[in-house]
Amino acid sequence: MTFDRNSGLVIVWVNMVQSGAYTRDQVPKMFNLQEVVGEVLDEQAADAA
């Protein structure tokens, strides 16, 4: 199984990290979840800058 940026679990984790409920390091190392969440967060940070 692989996740992409539109996967529900990715969206949930991105929101939880952005809200401060969890840190990036707390995203589970499940399949490619941590990588995709990191990519989305990096992209959003670049867009905000």
C-alpha atoms as a PDB file:
ATOM      1  CA  MET A   1       0.000   0.000   0.000  1.00  0.00           C
ATOM      2  CA  THR A   2       1.208   3.487  -0.758  1.00  0.00           C
ATOM      3  CA  PHE A   3      -0.187   6.851   0.139  1.00  0.00           C
ATOM      4  CA  ASP A   4      -0.426   9.971  -1.976  1.00  0.00           C
ATOM      5  CA  ARG A   5      -1.162  13.570  -1.084  1.00  0.00           C
ATOM      6  CA  ASN A   6      -4.920  12.986  -1.513  1.00  0.00           C
ATOM      7  CA  SER A   7      -5.096  10.017   0.851  1.00  0.00           C
ATOM      8  CA  GLY A   8      -7.334  10.623   3.839  1.00  0.00           C
ATOM      9  CA  LEU A   9      -4.688   9.548   6.337  1.00  0.00           C
ATOM     10  CA  VAL A  10      -2.149  11.941   4.833  1.00  0.00           C
ATOM     11  CA  ILE A  11      -4.612  14.827   5.076  1.00  0.00           C
ATOM     12  CA  VAL A  12      -5.384  13.972   8.712  1.00  0.00           C
ATOM     13  CA  TRP A  13      -1.703  13.806   9.683  1.00  0.00           C
ATOM     14  CA  VAL A  14      -0.857  17.030   7.852  1.00  0.00           C
ATOM     15  CA  ASN A  15      -3.632  18.798   9.754  1.00  0.00           C
ATOM     16  CA  MET A  16      -2.520  17.342  13.105  1.00  0.00           C
ATOM     17  CA  VAL A  17       1.098  18.420  12.554  1.00  0.00           C
ATOM     18  CA  GLN A  18       0.035  21.894  11.402  1.00  0.00           C
ATOM     19  CA  SER A  19      -2.190  22.315  14.462  1.00  0.00           C
ATOM     20  CA  GLY A  20       0.677  21.370  16.774  1.00  0.00           C
ATOM     21  CA  ALA A  21      -1.001  18.256  18.148  1.00  0.00           C
ATOM     22  CA  TYR A  22       1.901  16.143  16.851  1.00  0.00           C
ATOM     23  CA  THR A  23       5.370  16.773  15.525  1.00  0.00           C
ATOM     24  CA  ARG A  24       6.682  15.637  12.185  1.00  0.00           C
ATOM     25  CA  ASP A  25       8.751  12.968  13.914  1.00  0.00           C
ATOM     26  CA  GLN A  26       5.603  11.476  15.443  1.00  0.00           C
ATOM     27  CA  VAL A  27       4.061  10.624  12.066  1.00  0.00           C
ATOM     28  CA  PRO A  28       4.059   6.803  11.918  1.00  0.00           C
ATOM     29  CA  LYS A  29       6.625   5.092   9.717  1.00  0.00           C
ATOM     30  CA  MET A  30       3.868   3.177   7.961  1.00  0.00           C
ATOM     31  CA  PHE A  31       4.516   2.452   4.291  1.00  0.00           C
ATOM     32  CA  ASN A  32       5.357   5.864   2.760  1.00  0.00           C
ATOM     33  CA  LEU A  33       3.098   7.930   5.074  1.00  0.00           C
ATOM     34  CA  GLN A  34       5.904   9.840   6.777  1.00  0.00           C
ATOM     35  CA  GLU A  35       7.511  10.762   3.450  1.00  0.00           C
ATOM     36  CA  VAL A  36       4.297  12.009   1.859  1.00  0.00           C
ATOM     37  CA  VAL A  37       3.255  14.007   4.928  1.00  0.00           C
ATOM     38  CA  GLY A  38       6.713  15.598   4.967  1.00  0.00           C
ATOM     39  CA  GLU A  39       6.473  16.479   1.283  1.00  0.00           C
ATOM     40  CA  VAL A  40       3.061  18.104   1.725  1.00  0.00           C
ATOM     41  CA  LEU A  41       4.246  20.081   4.755  1.00  0.00           C
ATOM     42  CA  ASP A  42       7.399  21.224   2.924  1.00  0.00           C
ATOM     43  CA  GLU A  43       5.376  22.265  -0.109  1.00  0.00           C
ATOM     44  CA  GLN A  44       2.896  24.216   2.003  1.00  0.00           C
ATOM     45  CA  ALA A  45       5.733  25.947   3.856  1.00  0.00           C
ATOM     46  CA  ALA A  46       7.360  26.930   0.568  1.00  0.00           C
ATOM     47  CA  ASP A  47       4.060  28.299  -0.746  1.00  0.00           C
ATOM     48  CA  ALA A  48       3.575  30.351   2.429  1.00  0.00           C
ATOM     49  CA  ALA A  49       7.028  31.921   2.180  1.00  0.00           C
END
